[in-house]
Amino acid sequence: MNLTVGQVWEALEDVKDPEIPMVSVVELGIVQAVEVEGDAVRVVITPTFTGCPALPMMREGIAERVRALGASAVDVEVCLSPRWTSDRIAPSARAKMQTIGLAPPPRHADRLDLVLELTPLVRCPYCASSDTVLENPFGPTLCRAMYYCHACQQPFEQFKAL
C-alpha cells in the first residue's frame, strides 16, 4: 500500500494536543512537513516550546496514527528551526480555544516586540469584553497567562503570543 502525503496530513488532524485536546497538532501549526516514500513516513514537528513536556506524547500519537494508516516505518523528527510561533495557530484552533475559556494569542507577524511592549487588550473568551486585567503572567503551563474579566467576573487563561 502506498500512502500519500495528503492521507498523512488528514490523519494527523486526529492527533490532538495533550494540553488543548480539542485542537489538533496540525491546527496548532506544530507539524511542519510530511514526507512519504513508499510505506515509510517522515513527519517533522516543531514544539511550541523547546522543553515542551507534551512532546513525547505528541510524537507517540503521531507515530501511532501514521502506523494505523499502514506505514511500516515512521520517523517523527523534532526540528527547532524555524522556531514555532503562535501566528501558526489556525483560525479553527483559535475558535476552539475560546469555547473552553482560553483566549487565543494576538497575531503579531513576527513583531513580538510590539506585542510585549504595547500589552494588547485581551478579550474575554466568555463575553468578548476587553475590560480584562492580567492577574498572573504564569499560568498552569509555560504557554499560558492568567487574566480576570471585570465584565463577567470570570477568570480565564490566555495562550501567550510567541
N, C-alpha and C. Protein backbone atom coordinates (compact mmCIF):
# COMPACT_ATOMS: atom_id res chain seq x y z
N MET A 1 0.84 -1.19 0.00
CA MET A 1 0.00 0.00 0.00
C MET A 1 0.89 1.25 0.00
N ASN A 2 0.65 2.12 -0.93
CA ASN A 2 1.39 3.37 -0.97
C ASN A 2 0.55 4.50 -0.39
N LEU A 3 1.07 5.10 0.62
CA LEU A 3 0.40 6.24 1.25
C LEU A 3 0.70 7.50 0.48
N THR A 4 -0.18 8.47 0.62
CA THR A 4 0.07 9.78 0.02
C THR A 4 0.31 10.79 1.14
N VAL A 5 0.97 11.87 0.79
CA VAL A 5 1.20 12.95 1.74
C VAL A 5 -0.13 13.48 2.25
N GLY A 6 -1.10 13.61 1.36
CA GLY A 6 -2.43 14.10 1.74
C GLY A 6 -3.11 13.21 2.77
N GLN A 7 -2.98 11.90 2.61
CA GLN A 7 -3.57 10.96 3.57
C GLN A 7 -2.94 11.14 4.95
N VAL A 8 -1.65 11.35 4.98
CA VAL A 8 -0.96 11.52 6.27
C VAL A 8 -1.40 12.82 6.93
N TRP A 9 -1.41 13.92 6.17
CA TRP A 9 -1.86 15.20 6.74
C TRP A 9 -3.27 15.07 7.30
N GLU A 10 -4.15 14.42 6.55
CA GLU A 10 -5.54 14.25 7.01
C GLU A 10 -5.58 13.43 8.30
N ALA A 11 -4.80 12.38 8.37
CA ALA A 11 -4.77 11.54 9.57
C ALA A 11 -4.23 12.30 10.77
N LEU A 12 -3.26 13.20 10.55
CA LEU A 12 -2.68 13.96 11.66
C LEU A 12 -3.67 14.93 12.28
N GLU A 13 -4.75 15.24 11.57
CA GLU A 13 -5.81 16.07 12.16
C GLU A 13 -6.46 15.37 13.35
N ASP A 14 -6.31 14.04 13.42
CA ASP A 14 -6.86 13.27 14.54
C ASP A 14 -5.96 13.28 15.77
N VAL A 15 -4.73 13.73 15.62
CA VAL A 15 -3.79 13.75 16.75
C VAL A 15 -3.97 15.08 17.48
N LYS A 16 -4.46 14.99 18.69
CA LYS A 16 -4.78 16.19 19.46
C LYS A 16 -3.62 16.61 20.35
N ASP A 17 -3.56 17.90 20.61
CA ASP A 17 -2.57 18.43 21.53
C ASP A 17 -2.95 17.97 22.94
N PRO A 18 -2.03 17.41 23.71
CA PRO A 18 -2.37 16.92 25.05
C PRO A 18 -2.87 18.01 26.01
N GLU A 19 -2.47 19.25 25.80
CA GLU A 19 -2.89 20.33 26.69
C GLU A 19 -4.17 21.01 26.24
N ILE A 20 -4.49 20.92 24.96
CA ILE A 20 -5.73 21.50 24.43
C ILE A 20 -6.36 20.42 23.57
N PRO A 21 -7.03 19.43 24.18
CA PRO A 21 -7.42 18.21 23.49
C PRO A 21 -8.44 18.33 22.36
N MET A 22 -9.04 19.49 22.17
CA MET A 22 -9.94 19.62 21.04
C MET A 22 -9.24 20.20 19.81
N VAL A 23 -7.96 20.51 19.95
CA VAL A 23 -7.17 21.11 18.87
C VAL A 23 -6.10 20.13 18.41
N SER A 24 -5.99 19.97 17.10
CA SER A 24 -5.01 19.03 16.57
C SER A 24 -3.62 19.65 16.47
N VAL A 25 -2.63 18.80 16.36
CA VAL A 25 -1.26 19.27 16.20
C VAL A 25 -1.09 20.00 14.87
N VAL A 26 -1.93 19.66 13.90
CA VAL A 26 -1.90 20.36 12.61
C VAL A 26 -2.46 21.77 12.80
N GLU A 27 -3.60 21.90 13.48
CA GLU A 27 -4.22 23.21 13.71
C GLU A 27 -3.31 24.14 14.52
N LEU A 28 -2.52 23.57 15.42
CA LEU A 28 -1.59 24.38 16.22
C LEU A 28 -0.36 24.79 15.42
N GLY A 29 -0.17 24.21 14.26
CA GLY A 29 0.99 24.55 13.44
C GLY A 29 2.26 23.87 13.90
N ILE A 30 2.11 22.79 14.64
CA ILE A 30 3.26 22.04 15.15
C ILE A 30 3.89 21.18 14.05
N VAL A 31 3.06 20.66 13.14
CA VAL A 31 3.56 19.82 12.06
C VAL A 31 4.09 20.74 10.96
N GLN A 32 5.36 20.58 10.65
CA GLN A 32 6.00 21.40 9.61
C GLN A 32 6.00 20.73 8.25
N ALA A 33 6.23 19.43 8.23
CA ALA A 33 6.37 18.75 6.95
C ALA A 33 6.02 17.27 7.08
N VAL A 34 5.59 16.72 5.96
CA VAL A 34 5.30 15.30 5.86
C VAL A 34 5.96 14.81 4.57
N GLU A 35 6.71 13.71 4.68
CA GLU A 35 7.33 13.09 3.52
C GLU A 35 6.95 11.62 3.49
N VAL A 36 6.62 11.13 2.33
CA VAL A 36 6.24 9.72 2.17
C VAL A 36 7.09 9.11 1.07
N GLU A 37 7.68 7.97 1.40
CA GLU A 37 8.44 7.21 0.40
C GLU A 37 7.99 5.76 0.53
N GLY A 38 7.11 5.35 -0.38
CA GLY A 38 6.53 4.01 -0.28
C GLY A 38 5.64 3.94 0.94
N ASP A 39 5.96 3.03 1.86
CA ASP A 39 5.18 2.95 3.09
C ASP A 39 5.98 3.44 4.30
N ALA A 40 7.03 4.22 4.04
CA ALA A 40 7.81 4.86 5.10
C ALA A 40 7.43 6.35 5.14
N VAL A 41 7.22 6.85 6.34
CA VAL A 41 6.76 8.23 6.52
C VAL A 41 7.67 8.97 7.48
N ARG A 42 7.97 10.19 7.12
CA ARG A 42 8.74 11.10 7.98
C ARG A 42 7.86 12.32 8.25
N VAL A 43 7.68 12.64 9.53
CA VAL A 43 6.91 13.81 9.93
C VAL A 43 7.84 14.71 10.72
N VAL A 44 7.91 15.98 10.34
CA VAL A 44 8.76 16.95 11.03
C VAL A 44 7.85 17.85 11.85
N ILE A 45 8.17 17.96 13.14
CA ILE A 45 7.37 18.79 14.03
C ILE A 45 8.25 19.80 14.77
N THR A 46 7.63 20.90 15.14
CA THR A 46 8.29 21.91 15.96
C THR A 46 7.40 22.18 17.16
N PRO A 47 7.87 21.91 18.36
CA PRO A 47 7.04 22.13 19.55
C PRO A 47 6.87 23.62 19.83
N THR A 48 5.84 23.94 20.60
CA THR A 48 5.59 25.33 20.96
C THR A 48 6.71 25.88 21.84
N PHE A 49 7.28 25.02 22.65
CA PHE A 49 8.42 25.37 23.50
C PHE A 49 9.48 24.30 23.35
N THR A 50 10.74 24.67 23.44
CA THR A 50 11.82 23.70 23.32
C THR A 50 11.69 22.58 24.35
N GLY A 51 11.34 22.92 25.56
CA GLY A 51 11.20 21.93 26.62
C GLY A 51 9.77 21.50 26.86
N CYS A 52 8.94 21.54 25.84
CA CYS A 52 7.52 21.21 25.97
C CYS A 52 7.34 19.82 26.58
N PRO A 53 6.67 19.71 27.74
CA PRO A 53 6.50 18.41 28.38
C PRO A 53 5.57 17.47 27.61
N ALA A 54 4.77 18.01 26.71
CA ALA A 54 3.84 17.18 25.94
C ALA A 54 4.49 16.58 24.70
N LEU A 55 5.74 16.94 24.41
CA LEU A 55 6.41 16.49 23.20
C LEU A 55 6.44 14.97 23.04
N PRO A 56 6.82 14.19 24.06
CA PRO A 56 6.82 12.73 23.88
C PRO A 56 5.43 12.17 23.55
N MET A 57 4.39 12.73 24.16
CA MET A 57 3.03 12.26 23.88
C MET A 57 2.62 12.60 22.45
N MET A 58 3.00 13.80 21.99
CA MET A 58 2.67 14.18 20.61
C MET A 58 3.40 13.28 19.62
N ARG A 59 4.68 13.04 19.87
CA ARG A 59 5.46 12.19 18.95
C ARG A 59 4.84 10.79 18.87
N GLU A 60 4.49 10.24 20.01
CA GLU A 60 3.91 8.89 20.02
C GLU A 60 2.54 8.88 19.36
N GLY A 61 1.73 9.90 19.63
CA GLY A 61 0.42 9.99 18.99
C GLY A 61 0.52 10.08 17.48
N ILE A 62 1.46 10.86 17.00
CA ILE A 62 1.68 10.99 15.55
C ILE A 62 2.13 9.65 14.97
N ALA A 63 3.10 9.01 15.60
CA ALA A 63 3.61 7.72 15.10
C ALA A 63 2.50 6.66 15.08
N GLU A 64 1.70 6.60 16.15
CA GLU A 64 0.61 5.61 16.21
C GLU A 64 -0.40 5.85 15.10
N ARG A 65 -0.77 7.09 14.90
CA ARG A 65 -1.79 7.41 13.89
C ARG A 65 -1.27 7.08 12.48
N VAL A 66 -0.02 7.38 12.20
CA VAL A 66 0.54 7.11 10.88
C VAL A 66 0.71 5.60 10.67
N ARG A 67 1.11 4.89 11.72
CA ARG A 67 1.20 3.42 11.61
C ARG A 67 -0.17 2.81 11.32
N ALA A 68 -1.22 3.40 11.90
CA ALA A 68 -2.58 2.90 11.68
C ALA A 68 -3.00 3.04 10.21
N LEU A 69 -2.35 3.93 9.48
CA LEU A 69 -2.61 4.08 8.04
C LEU A 69 -1.96 2.97 7.23
N GLY A 70 -1.03 2.23 7.85
CA GLY A 70 -0.33 1.17 7.15
C GLY A 70 1.14 1.43 6.91
N ALA A 71 1.66 2.49 7.47
CA ALA A 71 3.09 2.78 7.30
C ALA A 71 3.91 1.72 8.03
N SER A 72 4.95 1.25 7.37
CA SER A 72 5.81 0.25 8.00
C SER A 72 6.89 0.90 8.86
N ALA A 73 7.25 2.13 8.52
CA ALA A 73 8.26 2.86 9.28
C ALA A 73 7.80 4.31 9.42
N VAL A 74 7.91 4.81 10.64
CA VAL A 74 7.51 6.20 10.91
C VAL A 74 8.62 6.87 11.69
N ASP A 75 9.08 7.99 11.17
CA ASP A 75 10.09 8.79 11.85
C ASP A 75 9.45 10.14 12.16
N VAL A 76 9.35 10.46 13.45
CA VAL A 76 8.83 11.76 13.87
C VAL A 76 10.02 12.57 14.36
N GLU A 77 10.44 13.50 13.52
CA GLU A 77 11.64 14.29 13.79
C GLU A 77 11.26 15.64 14.41
N VAL A 78 11.97 16.00 15.47
CA VAL A 78 11.77 17.30 16.10
C VAL A 78 12.78 18.27 15.52
N CYS A 79 12.28 19.39 15.02
CA CYS A 79 13.13 20.41 14.42
C CYS A 79 12.80 21.75 15.09
N LEU A 80 13.81 22.44 15.55
CA LEU A 80 13.59 23.70 16.26
C LEU A 80 13.77 24.94 15.39
N SER A 81 14.02 24.72 14.10
CA SER A 81 14.22 25.85 13.20
C SER A 81 13.48 25.58 11.89
N PRO A 82 12.65 26.48 11.44
CA PRO A 82 12.34 27.73 12.09
C PRO A 82 11.53 27.49 13.36
N ARG A 83 11.68 28.40 14.28
CA ARG A 83 11.00 28.25 15.58
C ARG A 83 9.49 28.34 15.39
N TRP A 84 8.78 27.73 16.32
CA TRP A 84 7.32 27.81 16.30
C TRP A 84 6.91 29.20 16.74
N THR A 85 5.85 29.70 16.16
CA THR A 85 5.29 30.98 16.56
C THR A 85 3.78 30.83 16.69
N SER A 86 3.19 31.57 17.60
CA SER A 86 1.75 31.46 17.80
C SER A 86 0.96 31.94 16.59
N ASP A 87 1.59 32.62 15.65
CA ASP A 87 0.91 33.00 14.40
C ASP A 87 0.57 31.77 13.56
N ARG A 88 1.18 30.62 13.85
CA ARG A 88 0.88 29.38 13.12
C ARG A 88 -0.46 28.76 13.52
N ILE A 89 -1.03 29.23 14.61
CA ILE A 89 -2.29 28.65 15.08
C ILE A 89 -3.40 28.98 14.09
N ALA A 90 -4.06 27.95 13.59
CA ALA A 90 -5.11 28.10 12.58
C ALA A 90 -6.34 28.79 13.18
N PRO A 91 -7.11 29.49 12.35
CA PRO A 91 -8.35 30.11 12.82
C PRO A 91 -9.29 29.12 13.50
N SER A 92 -9.36 27.89 13.00
CA SER A 92 -10.23 26.89 13.63
C SER A 92 -9.79 26.58 15.06
N ALA A 93 -8.48 26.54 15.28
CA ALA A 93 -7.96 26.28 16.63
C ALA A 93 -8.23 27.46 17.55
N ARG A 94 -8.09 28.66 17.03
CA ARG A 94 -8.37 29.87 17.83
C ARG A 94 -9.82 29.87 18.29
N ALA A 95 -10.73 29.49 17.41
CA ALA A 95 -12.14 29.44 17.77
C ALA A 95 -12.40 28.35 18.82
N LYS A 96 -11.76 27.21 18.66
CA LYS A 96 -11.93 26.12 19.62
C LYS A 96 -11.39 26.49 21.00
N MET A 97 -10.28 27.23 21.03
CA MET A 97 -9.71 27.67 22.30
C MET A 97 -10.74 28.49 23.08
N GLN A 98 -11.42 29.38 22.39
CA GLN A 98 -12.38 30.24 23.06
C GLN A 98 -13.53 29.45 23.67
N THR A 99 -13.89 28.33 23.05
CA THR A 99 -15.01 27.54 23.58
C THR A 99 -14.70 26.94 24.95
N ILE A 100 -13.43 26.84 25.29
CA ILE A 100 -13.07 26.29 26.61
C ILE A 100 -12.54 27.38 27.55
N GLY A 101 -12.74 28.64 27.16
CA GLY A 101 -12.31 29.74 28.02
C GLY A 101 -10.84 30.06 27.93
N LEU A 102 -10.22 29.77 26.80
CA LEU A 102 -8.80 30.06 26.59
C LEU A 102 -8.70 31.10 25.49
N ALA A 103 -8.28 32.30 25.86
CA ALA A 103 -8.15 33.37 24.87
C ALA A 103 -6.96 33.09 23.96
N PRO A 104 -7.17 33.14 22.65
CA PRO A 104 -6.04 32.90 21.74
C PRO A 104 -5.08 34.08 21.76
N PRO A 105 -3.84 33.84 21.39
CA PRO A 105 -2.85 34.93 21.39
C PRO A 105 -3.10 35.89 20.22
N PRO A 106 -2.66 37.13 20.38
CA PRO A 106 -2.79 38.06 19.25
C PRO A 106 -1.83 37.66 18.13
N ARG A 107 -2.23 37.96 16.91
CA ARG A 107 -1.32 37.75 15.78
C ARG A 107 -0.31 38.89 15.80
N HIS A 108 0.95 38.59 15.44
CA HIS A 108 1.99 39.61 15.56
C HIS A 108 2.92 39.69 14.37
N ALA A 109 2.74 38.83 13.38
CA ALA A 109 3.56 38.84 12.16
C ALA A 109 5.05 38.94 12.47
N ASP A 110 5.45 38.17 13.49
CA ASP A 110 6.85 38.10 13.93
C ASP A 110 7.37 39.42 14.49
N ARG A 111 6.47 40.28 14.95
CA ARG A 111 6.85 41.52 15.64
C ARG A 111 6.45 41.38 17.11
N LEU A 112 6.97 40.35 17.73
CA LEU A 112 6.64 40.05 19.11
C LEU A 112 7.02 41.20 20.04
N ASP A 113 8.03 41.96 19.66
CA ASP A 113 8.43 43.10 20.49
C ASP A 113 7.27 44.08 20.65
N LEU A 114 6.46 44.25 19.63
CA LEU A 114 5.31 45.15 19.72
C LEU A 114 4.24 44.59 20.64
N VAL A 115 4.01 43.29 20.57
CA VAL A 115 3.02 42.67 21.43
C VAL A 115 3.42 42.83 22.89
N LEU A 116 4.67 42.59 23.20
CA LEU A 116 5.14 42.68 24.58
C LEU A 116 5.20 44.13 25.07
N GLU A 117 5.56 45.04 24.18
CA GLU A 117 5.71 46.43 24.55
C GLU A 117 4.36 47.13 24.77
N LEU A 118 3.41 46.83 23.92
CA LEU A 118 2.13 47.53 23.98
C LEU A 118 1.11 46.87 24.89
N THR A 119 1.34 45.66 25.32
CA THR A 119 0.40 44.89 26.12
C THR A 119 -1.01 45.04 25.56
N PRO A 120 -1.30 44.35 24.49
CA PRO A 120 -2.59 44.50 23.83
C PRO A 120 -3.76 44.08 24.72
N LEU A 121 -4.91 44.62 24.40
CA LEU A 121 -6.11 44.23 25.11
C LEU A 121 -6.37 42.75 24.89
N VAL A 122 -6.73 42.09 25.94
CA VAL A 122 -7.07 40.68 25.83
C VAL A 122 -8.57 40.58 26.02
N ARG A 123 -9.24 40.09 25.01
CA ARG A 123 -10.70 39.95 25.08
C ARG A 123 -11.04 38.67 25.84
N CYS A 124 -12.04 38.79 26.68
CA CYS A 124 -12.52 37.65 27.44
C CYS A 124 -13.12 36.62 26.49
N PRO A 125 -12.72 35.36 26.60
CA PRO A 125 -13.28 34.34 25.72
C PRO A 125 -14.74 33.99 26.04
N TYR A 126 -15.23 34.42 27.21
CA TYR A 126 -16.60 34.13 27.60
C TYR A 126 -17.59 35.19 27.13
N CYS A 127 -17.22 36.48 27.28
CA CYS A 127 -18.16 37.55 26.96
C CYS A 127 -17.63 38.56 25.93
N ALA A 128 -16.40 38.39 25.49
CA ALA A 128 -15.74 39.25 24.49
C ALA A 128 -15.43 40.66 24.99
N SER A 129 -15.57 40.89 26.28
CA SER A 129 -15.23 42.20 26.84
C SER A 129 -13.72 42.40 26.84
N SER A 130 -13.31 43.65 26.67
CA SER A 130 -11.88 43.96 26.79
C SER A 130 -11.58 44.57 28.15
N ASP A 131 -12.55 44.55 29.05
CA ASP A 131 -12.36 45.04 30.42
C ASP A 131 -11.72 43.92 31.24
N THR A 132 -10.48 43.58 30.86
CA THR A 132 -9.77 42.47 31.49
C THR A 132 -8.45 42.96 32.08
N VAL A 133 -7.92 42.18 32.99
CA VAL A 133 -6.66 42.54 33.62
C VAL A 133 -5.80 41.28 33.77
N LEU A 134 -4.51 41.46 33.58
CA LEU A 134 -3.57 40.36 33.78
C LEU A 134 -3.44 40.11 35.27
N GLU A 135 -3.76 38.91 35.69
CA GLU A 135 -3.64 38.54 37.10
C GLU A 135 -2.27 37.93 37.40
N ASN A 136 -1.79 37.12 36.46
CA ASN A 136 -0.51 36.45 36.67
C ASN A 136 0.05 36.06 35.30
N PRO A 137 1.29 36.47 34.99
CA PRO A 137 1.86 36.09 33.70
C PRO A 137 2.21 34.61 33.61
N PHE A 138 2.10 33.91 34.72
CA PHE A 138 2.42 32.48 34.74
C PHE A 138 1.16 31.68 34.99
N GLY A 139 0.75 30.92 33.99
CA GLY A 139 -0.43 30.08 34.11
C GLY A 139 -0.06 28.66 34.46
N PRO A 140 -0.98 27.73 34.25
CA PRO A 140 -0.73 26.34 34.59
C PRO A 140 0.32 25.67 33.71
N THR A 141 0.59 26.26 32.54
CA THR A 141 1.65 25.77 31.68
C THR A 141 2.48 26.97 31.23
N LEU A 142 3.65 26.71 30.66
CA LEU A 142 4.53 27.79 30.23
C LEU A 142 3.92 28.70 29.18
N CYS A 143 2.99 28.16 28.41
CA CYS A 143 2.45 28.93 27.29
C CYS A 143 1.16 29.68 27.62
N ARG A 144 0.81 29.79 28.91
CA ARG A 144 -0.44 30.46 29.28
C ARG A 144 -0.23 31.49 30.38
N ALA A 145 -1.10 32.50 30.38
CA ALA A 145 -1.12 33.53 31.43
C ALA A 145 -2.55 33.60 31.98
N MET A 146 -2.68 34.10 33.20
CA MET A 146 -3.98 34.17 33.87
C MET A 146 -4.53 35.59 33.82
N TYR A 147 -5.80 35.72 33.43
CA TYR A 147 -6.49 37.01 33.34
C TYR A 147 -7.79 36.95 34.13
N TYR A 148 -8.35 38.14 34.35
CA TYR A 148 -9.66 38.26 35.00
C TYR A 148 -10.50 39.25 34.20
N CYS A 149 -11.77 38.90 33.99
CA CYS A 149 -12.68 39.77 33.26
C CYS A 149 -13.59 40.48 34.26
N HIS A 150 -13.54 41.81 34.25
CA HIS A 150 -14.39 42.59 35.14
C HIS A 150 -15.85 42.56 34.70
N ALA A 151 -16.10 42.41 33.41
CA ALA A 151 -17.47 42.44 32.89
C ALA A 151 -18.28 41.22 33.34
N CYS A 152 -17.73 40.02 33.14
CA CYS A 152 -18.49 38.81 33.51
C CYS A 152 -17.94 38.15 34.77
N GLN A 153 -16.91 38.72 35.31
CA GLN A 153 -16.30 38.27 36.57
C GLN A 153 -15.78 36.83 36.50
N GLN A 154 -15.24 36.50 35.33
CA GLN A 154 -14.68 35.17 35.13
C GLN A 154 -13.16 35.23 35.02
N PRO A 155 -12.47 34.35 35.70
CA PRO A 155 -11.04 34.21 35.41
C PRO A 155 -10.90 33.41 34.12
N PHE A 156 -9.83 33.65 33.40
CA PHE A 156 -9.57 32.87 32.19
C PHE A 156 -8.09 32.88 31.90
N GLU A 157 -7.69 32.01 31.00
CA GLU A 157 -6.30 31.90 30.58
C GLU A 157 -6.17 32.45 29.17
N GLN A 158 -4.98 32.97 28.87
CA GLN A 158 -4.67 33.36 27.50
C GLN A 158 -3.44 32.57 27.06
N PHE A 159 -3.51 32.03 25.88
CA PHE A 159 -2.35 31.39 25.26
C PHE A 159 -1.41 32.53 24.89
N LYS A 160 -0.18 32.49 25.36
CA LYS A 160 0.75 33.59 25.15
C LYS A 160 1.18 33.70 23.69
N ALA A 161 1.42 34.92 23.29
CA ALA A 161 1.99 35.16 21.97
C ALA A 161 3.47 34.77 22.00
N LEU A 162 3.86 33.96 21.07
CA LEU A 162 5.25 33.51 20.99
C LEU A 162 5.75 33.64 19.58
